[in-house]
Amino acid sequence: MRLLSILSFLCSLAITVVIIYGVIMMAGDLMGLTTFNNQLLIVGLAFVLLSGLFGKSKPRLSMLVLFIGFIIVIVN
């Protein structure tokens, strides 16, 4: 059980780092400094991370947000 908790934390941390990197790259793309074409990936990962916030209080909404985020990541 403890291993799953650590693994869940590490996955959440990795997704957060990817989202921060994506936001920085999108800001650079907006200013014309870089080219970044993975906006849908960042939005999908944000939805996946957001689904964890709902968790136990609203399980149906959490599953819906997780499903939408997963579909957006797959589409990208």
PDB file of N, CA and C in Angstrom:
ATOM      1  N   MET A   1       0.824  -1.193   0.000  1.00  0.00           N
ATOM      2  CA  MET A   1       0.000   0.000   0.000  1.00  0.00           C
ATOM      3  C   MET A   1       0.871   1.260   0.000  1.00  0.00           C
ATOM      4  N   ARG A   2       1.947   1.216   0.745  1.00  0.00           N
ATOM      5  CA  ARG A   2       2.841   2.372   0.807  1.00  0.00           C
ATOM      6  C   ARG A   2       3.531   2.600  -0.537  1.00  0.00           C
ATOM      7  N   LEU A   3       3.859   1.513  -1.232  1.00  0.00           N
ATOM      8  CA  LEU A   3       4.493   1.623  -2.540  1.00  0.00           C
ATOM      9  C   LEU A   3       3.563   2.304  -3.537  1.00  0.00           C
ATOM     10  N   LEU A   4       2.282   1.975  -3.490  1.00  0.00           N
ATOM     11  CA  LEU A   4       1.315   2.613  -4.383  1.00  0.00           C
ATOM     12  C   LEU A   4       1.170   4.098  -4.079  1.00  0.00           C
ATOM     13  N   SER A   5       1.233   4.451  -2.818  1.00  0.00           N
ATOM     14  CA  SER A   5       1.153   5.857  -2.434  1.00  0.00           C
ATOM     15  C   SER A   5       2.361   6.634  -2.962  1.00  0.00           C
ATOM     16  N   ILE A   6       3.529   6.053  -2.844  1.00  0.00           N
ATOM     17  CA  ILE A   6       4.742   6.702  -3.348  1.00  0.00           C
ATOM     18  C   ILE A   6       4.697   6.809  -4.864  1.00  0.00           C
ATOM     19  N   LEU A   7       4.250   5.750  -5.532  1.00  0.00           N
ATOM     20  CA  LEU A   7       4.147   5.759  -6.989  1.00  0.00           C
ATOM     21  C   LEU A   7       3.135   6.793  -7.467  1.00  0.00           C
ATOM     22  N   SER A   8       2.025   6.910  -6.770  1.00  0.00           N
ATOM     23  CA  SER A   8       1.017   7.914  -7.113  1.00  0.00           C
ATOM     24  C   SER A   8       1.577   9.321  -6.963  1.00  0.00           C
ATOM     25  N   PHE A   9       2.313   9.558  -5.902  1.00  0.00           N
ATOM     26  CA  PHE A   9       2.926  10.868  -5.688  1.00  0.00           C
ATOM     27  C   PHE A   9       3.937  11.185  -6.786  1.00  0.00           C
ATOM     28  N   LEU A  10       4.759  10.216  -7.158  1.00  0.00           N
ATOM     29  CA  LEU A  10       5.760  10.440  -8.202  1.00  0.00           C
ATOM     30  C   LEU A  10       5.108  10.715  -9.556  1.00  0.00           C
ATOM     31  N   CYS A  11       4.019  10.014  -9.861  1.00  0.00           N
ATOM     32  CA  CYS A  11       3.308  10.265 -11.118  1.00  0.00           C
ATOM     33  C   CYS A  11       2.689  11.658 -11.119  1.00  0.00           C
ATOM     34  N   SER A  12       2.102  12.053 -10.010  1.00  0.00           N
ATOM     35  CA  SER A  12       1.529  13.397  -9.918  1.00  0.00           C
ATOM     36  C   SER A  12       2.608  14.462 -10.050  1.00  0.00           C
ATOM     37  N   LEU A  13       3.747  14.217  -9.461  1.00  0.00           N
ATOM     38  CA  LEU A  13       4.865  15.151  -9.571  1.00  0.00           C
ATOM     39  C   LEU A  13       5.363  15.250 -11.013  1.00  0.00           C
ATOM     40  N   ALA A  14       5.458  14.118 -11.697  1.00  0.00           N
ATOM     41  CA  ALA A  14       5.908  14.123 -13.093  1.00  0.00           C
ATOM     42  C   ALA A  14       4.923  14.869 -13.985  1.00  0.00           C
ATOM     43  N   ILE A  15       3.630  14.644 -13.782  1.00  0.00           N
ATOM     44  CA  ILE A  15       2.615  15.345 -14.576  1.00  0.00           C
ATOM     45  C   ILE A  15       2.683  16.843 -14.307  1.00  0.00           C
ATOM     46  N   THR A  16       2.885  17.224 -13.055  1.00  0.00           N
ATOM     47  CA  THR A  16       2.990  18.638 -12.707  1.00  0.00           C
ATOM     48  C   THR A  16       4.195  19.286 -13.387  1.00  0.00           C
ATOM     49  N   VAL A  17       5.314  18.589 -13.412  1.00  0.00           N
ATOM     50  CA  VAL A  17       6.513  19.121 -14.069  1.00  0.00           C
ATOM     51  C   VAL A  17       6.276  19.285 -15.566  1.00  0.00           C
ATOM     52  N   VAL A  18       5.609  18.313 -16.198  1.00  0.00           N
ATOM     53  CA  VAL A  18       5.315  18.409 -17.633  1.00  0.00           C
ATOM     54  C   VAL A  18       4.377  19.579 -17.909  1.00  0.00           C
ATOM     55  N   ILE A  19       3.396  19.790 -17.037  1.00  0.00           N
ATOM     56  CA  ILE A  19       2.466  20.909 -17.220  1.00  0.00           C
ATOM     57  C   ILE A  19       3.198  22.244 -17.083  1.00  0.00           C
ATOM     58  N   ILE A  20       4.063  22.371 -16.094  1.00  0.00           N
ATOM     59  CA  ILE A  20       4.821  23.616 -15.924  1.00  0.00           C
ATOM     60  C   ILE A  20       5.722  23.865 -17.131  1.00  0.00           C
ATOM     61  N   TYR A  21       6.389  22.815 -17.606  1.00  0.00           N
ATOM     62  CA  TYR A  21       7.220  22.941 -18.809  1.00  0.00           C
ATOM     63  C   TYR A  21       6.372  23.379 -20.007  1.00  0.00           C
ATOM     64  N   GLY A  22       5.189  22.784 -20.156  1.00  0.00           N
ATOM     65  CA  GLY A  22       4.314  23.134 -21.271  1.00  0.00           C
ATOM     66  C   GLY A  22       3.831  24.566 -21.214  1.00  0.00           C
ATOM     67  N   VAL A  23       3.511  25.028 -20.019  1.00  0.00           N
ATOM     68  CA  VAL A  23       3.059  26.417 -19.875  1.00  0.00           C
ATOM     69  C   VAL A  23       4.193  27.379 -20.219  1.00  0.00           C
ATOM     70  N   ILE A  24       5.405  27.057 -19.790  1.00  0.00           N
ATOM     71  CA  ILE A  24       6.556  27.903 -20.135  1.00  0.00           C
ATOM     72  C   ILE A  24       6.784  27.908 -21.641  1.00  0.00           C
ATOM     73  N   MET A  25       6.677  26.741 -22.269  1.00  0.00           N
ATOM     74  CA  MET A  25       6.873  26.661 -23.720  1.00  0.00           C
ATOM     75  C   MET A  25       5.756  27.385 -24.472  1.00  0.00           C
ATOM     76  N   MET A  26       4.508  27.303 -23.972  1.00  0.00           N
ATOM     77  CA  MET A  26       3.409  28.021 -24.629  1.00  0.00           C
ATOM     78  C   MET A  26       3.601  29.527 -24.508  1.00  0.00           C
ATOM     79  N   ALA A  27       4.115  29.986 -23.368  1.00  0.00           N
ATOM     80  CA  ALA A  27       4.395  31.418 -23.222  1.00  0.00           C
ATOM     81  C   ALA A  27       5.506  31.838 -24.179  1.00  0.00           C
ATOM     82  N   GLY A  28       6.517  30.997 -24.333  1.00  0.00           N
ATOM     83  CA  GLY A  28       7.577  31.286 -25.292  1.00  0.00           C
ATOM     84  C   GLY A  28       7.072  31.283 -26.719  1.00  0.00           C
ATOM     85  N   ASP A  29       6.130  30.388 -27.022  1.00  0.00           N
ATOM     86  CA  ASP A  29       5.526  30.347 -28.356  1.00  0.00           C
ATOM     87  C   ASP A  29       4.695  31.596 -28.610  1.00  0.00           C
ATOM     88  N   LEU A  30       4.009  32.067 -27.587  1.00  0.00           N
ATOM     89  CA  LEU A  30       3.201  33.279 -27.714  1.00  0.00           C
ATOM     90  C   LEU A  30       4.079  34.499 -28.006  1.00  0.00           C
ATOM     91  N   MET A  31       5.256  34.546 -27.381  1.00  0.00           N
ATOM     92  CA  MET A  31       6.169  35.670 -27.601  1.00  0.00           C
ATOM     93  C   MET A  31       7.021  35.499 -28.852  1.00  0.00           C
ATOM     94  N   GLY A  32       6.924  34.348 -29.505  1.00  0.00           N
ATOM     95  CA  GLY A  32       7.674  34.121 -30.732  1.00  0.00           C
ATOM     96  C   GLY A  32       9.086  33.618 -30.517  1.00  0.00           C
ATOM     97  N   LEU A  33       9.402  33.166 -29.316  1.00  0.00           N
ATOM     98  CA  LEU A  33      10.758  32.697 -29.028  1.00  0.00           C
ATOM     99  C   LEU A  33      10.971  31.241 -29.427  1.00  0.00           C
ATOM    100  N   THR A  34       9.949  30.415 -29.255  1.00  0.00           N
ATOM    101  CA  THR A  34      10.054  28.986 -29.553  1.00  0.00           C
ATOM    102  C   THR A  34       8.835  28.545 -30.348  1.00  0.00           C
ATOM    103  N   THR A  35       8.872  27.297 -30.795  1.00  0.00           N
ATOM    104  CA  THR A  35       7.717  26.691 -31.452  1.00  0.00           C
ATOM    105  C   THR A  35       7.257  25.530 -30.594  1.00  0.00           C
ATOM    106  N   PHE A  36       5.987  25.506 -30.226  1.00  0.00           N
ATOM    107  CA  PHE A  36       5.449  24.461 -29.362  1.00  0.00           C
ATOM    108  C   PHE A  36       4.092  24.047 -29.903  1.00  0.00           C
ATOM    109  N   ASN A  37       3.940  22.754 -30.231  1.00  0.00           N
ATOM    110  CA  ASN A  37       2.710  22.273 -30.851  1.00  0.00           C
ATOM    111  C   ASN A  37       1.954  21.261 -30.001  1.00  0.00           C
ATOM    112  N   ASN A  38       2.258  21.130 -28.733  1.00  0.00           N
ATOM    113  CA  ASN A  38       1.620  20.119 -27.891  1.00  0.00           C
ATOM    114  C   ASN A  38       0.673  20.735 -26.867  1.00  0.00           C
ATOM    115  N   GLN A  39      -0.096  21.724 -27.274  1.00  0.00           N
ATOM    116  CA  GLN A  39      -1.003  22.381 -26.341  1.00  0.00           C
ATOM    117  C   GLN A  39      -2.068  21.419 -25.818  1.00  0.00           C
ATOM    118  N   LEU A  40      -2.586  20.548 -26.691  1.00  0.00           N
ATOM    119  CA  LEU A  40      -3.616  19.605 -26.247  1.00  0.00           C
ATOM    120  C   LEU A  40      -3.074  18.615 -25.225  1.00  0.00           C
ATOM    121  N   LEU A  41      -1.819  18.247 -25.349  1.00  0.00           N
ATOM    122  CA  LEU A  41      -1.214  17.347 -24.370  1.00  0.00           C
ATOM    123  C   LEU A  41      -1.203  17.990 -22.989  1.00  0.00           C
ATOM    124  N   ILE A  42      -0.841  19.242 -22.923  1.00  0.00           N
ATOM    125  CA  ILE A  42      -0.787  19.951 -21.642  1.00  0.00           C
ATOM    126  C   ILE A  42      -2.187  20.101 -21.054  1.00  0.00           C
ATOM    127  N   VAL A  43      -3.165  20.423 -21.894  1.00  0.00           N
ATOM    128  CA  VAL A  43      -4.547  20.558 -21.412  1.00  0.00           C
ATOM    129  C   VAL A  43      -5.066  19.215 -20.914  1.00  0.00           C
ATOM    130  N   GLY A  44      -4.790  18.137 -21.640  1.00  0.00           N
ATOM    131  CA  GLY A  44      -5.229  16.808 -21.217  1.00  0.00           C
ATOM    132  C   GLY A  44      -4.604  16.380 -19.907  1.00  0.00           C
ATOM    133  N   LEU A  45      -3.309  16.617 -19.757  1.00  0.00           N
ATOM    134  CA  LEU A  45      -2.643  16.273 -18.499  1.00  0.00           C
ATOM    135  C   LEU A  45      -3.156  17.122 -17.344  1.00  0.00           C
ATOM    136  N   ALA A  46      -3.510  18.363 -17.629  1.00  0.00           N
ATOM    137  CA  ALA A  46      -4.089  19.206 -16.579  1.00  0.00           C
ATOM    138  C   ALA A  46      -5.434  18.643 -16.129  1.00  0.00           C
ATOM    139  N   PHE A  47      -6.229  18.141 -17.069  1.00  0.00           N
ATOM    140  CA  PHE A  47      -7.497  17.513 -16.703  1.00  0.00           C
ATOM    141  C   PHE A  47      -7.268  16.255 -15.870  1.00  0.00           C
ATOM    142  N   VAL A  48      -6.276  15.451 -16.244  1.00  0.00           N
ATOM    143  CA  VAL A  48      -5.976  14.236 -15.484  1.00  0.00           C
ATOM    144  C   VAL A  48      -5.560  14.594 -14.063  1.00  0.00           C
ATOM    145  N   LEU A  49      -4.725  15.606 -13.912  1.00  0.00           N
ATOM    146  CA  LEU A  49      -4.293  16.034 -12.584  1.00  0.00           C
ATOM    147  C   LEU A  49      -5.449  16.645 -11.799  1.00  0.00           C
ATOM    148  N   LEU A  50      -6.320  17.366 -12.493  1.00  0.00           N
ATOM    149  CA  LEU A  50      -7.480  17.970 -11.846  1.00  0.00           C
ATOM    150  C   LEU A  50      -8.452  16.915 -11.328  1.00  0.00           C
ATOM    151  N   SER A  51      -8.531  15.779 -12.004  1.00  0.00           N
ATOM    152  CA  SER A  51      -9.450  14.728 -11.562  1.00  0.00           C
ATOM    153  C   SER A  51      -9.068  14.201 -10.182  1.00  0.00           C
ATOM    154  N   GLY A  52      -7.798  14.261  -9.847  1.00  0.00           N
ATOM    155  CA  GLY A  52      -7.361  13.816  -8.529  1.00  0.00           C
ATOM    156  C   GLY A  52      -7.815  14.731  -7.407  1.00  0.00           C
ATOM    157  N   LEU A  53      -8.115  15.982  -7.727  1.00  0.00           N
ATOM    158  CA  LEU A  53      -8.576  16.909  -6.692  1.00  0.00           C
ATOM    159  C   LEU A  53      -9.992  16.584  -6.230  1.00  0.00           C
ATOM    160  N   PHE A  54     -10.810  16.076  -7.151  1.00  0.00           N
ATOM    161  CA  PHE A  54     -12.189  15.747  -6.779  1.00  0.00           C
ATOM    162  C   PHE A  54     -12.226  14.479  -5.940  1.00  0.00           C
ATOM    163  N   GLY A  55     -11.428  13.495  -6.328  1.00  0.00           N
ATOM    164  CA  GLY A  55     -11.229  12.275  -5.567  1.00  0.00           C
ATOM    165  C   GLY A  55     -12.460  11.647  -4.978  1.00  0.00           C
ATOM    166  N   LYS A  56     -12.510  11.589  -3.663  1.00  0.00           N
ATOM    167  CA  LYS A  56     -13.569  10.863  -2.969  1.00  0.00           C
ATOM    168  C   LYS A  56     -14.839  11.682  -2.789  1.00  0.00           C
ATOM    169  N   SER A  57     -14.742  12.993  -2.851  1.00  0.00           N
ATOM    170  CA  SER A  57     -15.933  13.810  -2.609  1.00  0.00           C
ATOM    171  C   SER A  57     -16.936  13.708  -3.747  1.00  0.00           C
ATOM    172  N   LYS A  58     -16.448  13.681  -4.988  1.00  0.00           N
ATOM    173  CA  LYS A  58     -17.330  13.580  -6.156  1.00  0.00           C
ATOM    174  C   LYS A  58     -16.739  12.556  -7.121  1.00  0.00           C
ATOM    175  N   PRO A  59     -16.958  11.263  -6.868  1.00  0.00           N
ATOM    176  CA  PRO A  59     -16.292  10.243  -7.691  1.00  0.00           C
ATOM    177  C   PRO A  59     -16.748  10.222  -9.151  1.00  0.00           C
ATOM    178  N   ARG A  60     -18.020  10.506  -9.416  1.00  0.00           N
ATOM    179  CA  ARG A  60     -18.486  10.502 -10.810  1.00  0.00           C
ATOM    180  C   ARG A  60     -17.868  11.645 -11.599  1.00  0.00           C
ATOM    181  N   LEU A  61     -17.810  12.818 -11.006  1.00  0.00           N
ATOM    182  CA  LEU A  61     -17.185  13.960 -11.666  1.00  0.00           C
ATOM    183  C   LEU A  61     -15.694  13.710 -11.872  1.00  0.00           C
ATOM    184  N   SER A  62     -15.062  13.086 -10.895  1.00  0.00           N
ATOM    185  CA  SER A  62     -13.647  12.761 -11.005  1.00  0.00           C
ATOM    186  C   SER A  62     -13.391  11.814 -12.172  1.00  0.00           C
ATOM    187  N   MET A  63     -14.225  10.794 -12.317  1.00  0.00           N
ATOM    188  CA  MET A  63     -14.063   9.852 -13.427  1.00  0.00           C
ATOM    189  C   MET A  63     -14.336  10.518 -14.765  1.00  0.00           C
ATOM    190  N   LEU A  64     -15.310  11.423 -14.811  1.00  0.00           N
ATOM    191  CA  LEU A  64     -15.622  12.134 -16.050  1.00  0.00           C
ATOM    192  C   LEU A  64     -14.452  13.020 -16.476  1.00  0.00           C
ATOM    193  N   VAL A  65     -13.898  13.764 -15.540  1.00  0.00           N
ATOM    194  CA  VAL A  65     -12.761  14.643 -15.846  1.00  0.00           C
ATOM    195  C   VAL A  65     -11.542  13.811 -16.251  1.00  0.00           C
ATOM    196  N   LEU A  66     -11.316  12.687 -15.575  1.00  0.00           N
ATOM    197  CA  LEU A  66     -10.212  11.801 -15.932  1.00  0.00           C
ATOM    198  C   LEU A  66     -10.394  11.250 -17.343  1.00  0.00           C
ATOM    199  N   PHE A  67     -11.613  10.842 -17.688  1.00  0.00           N
ATOM    200  CA  PHE A  67     -11.902  10.311 -19.021  1.00  0.00           C
ATOM    201  C   PHE A  67     -11.697  11.377 -20.091  1.00  0.00           C
ATOM    202  N   ILE A  68     -12.176  12.587 -19.842  1.00  0.00           N
ATOM    203  CA  ILE A  68     -11.999  13.682 -20.806  1.00  0.00           C
ATOM    204  C   ILE A  68     -10.513  13.984 -21.003  1.00  0.00           C
ATOM    205  N   GLY A  69      -9.756  14.043 -19.919  1.00  0.00           N
ATOM    206  CA  GLY A  69      -8.318  14.286 -20.021  1.00  0.00           C
ATOM    207  C   GLY A  69      -7.601  13.188 -20.780  1.00  0.00           C
ATOM    208  N   PHE A  70      -7.991  11.931 -20.534  1.00  0.00           N
ATOM    209  CA  PHE A  70      -7.383  10.803 -21.237  1.00  0.00           C
ATOM    210  C   PHE A  70      -7.668  10.873 -22.734  1.00  0.00           C
ATOM    211  N   ILE A  71      -8.898  11.208 -23.097  1.00  0.00           N
ATOM    212  CA  ILE A  71      -9.265  11.326 -24.512  1.00  0.00           C
ATOM    213  C   ILE A  71      -8.471  12.460 -25.173  1.00  0.00           C
ATOM    214  N   ILE A  72      -8.328  13.580 -24.495  1.00  0.00           N
ATOM    215  CA  ILE A  72      -7.570  14.706 -25.064  1.00  0.00           C
ATOM    216  C   ILE A  72      -6.107  14.321 -25.276  1.00  0.00           C
ATOM    217  N   VAL A  73      -5.518  13.592 -24.334  1.00  0.00           N
ATOM    218  CA  VAL A  73      -4.121  13.160 -24.485  1.00  0.00           C
ATOM    219  C   VAL A  73      -3.993  12.194 -25.660  1.00  0.00           C
ATOM    220  N   ILE A  74      -4.942  11.274 -25.808  1.00  0.00           N
ATOM    221  CA  ILE A  74      -4.900  10.314 -26.916  1.00  0.00           C
ATOM    222  C   ILE A  74      -5.074  11.024 -28.253  1.00  0.00           C
ATOM    223  N   VAL A  75      -5.974  12.010 -28.326  1.00  0.00           N
ATOM    224  CA  VAL A  75      -6.215  12.745 -29.568  1.00  0.00           C
ATOM    225  C   VAL A  75      -4.957  13.491 -30.004  1.00  0.00           C
ATOM    226  N   ASN A  76      -4.222  14.006 -29.049  1.00  0.00           N
ATOM    227  CA  ASN A  76      -3.012  14.756 -29.386  1.00  0.00           C
ATOM    228  C   ASN A  76      -1.989  13.827 -29.966  1.00  0.00           C
TER     229      ASN A  76
END
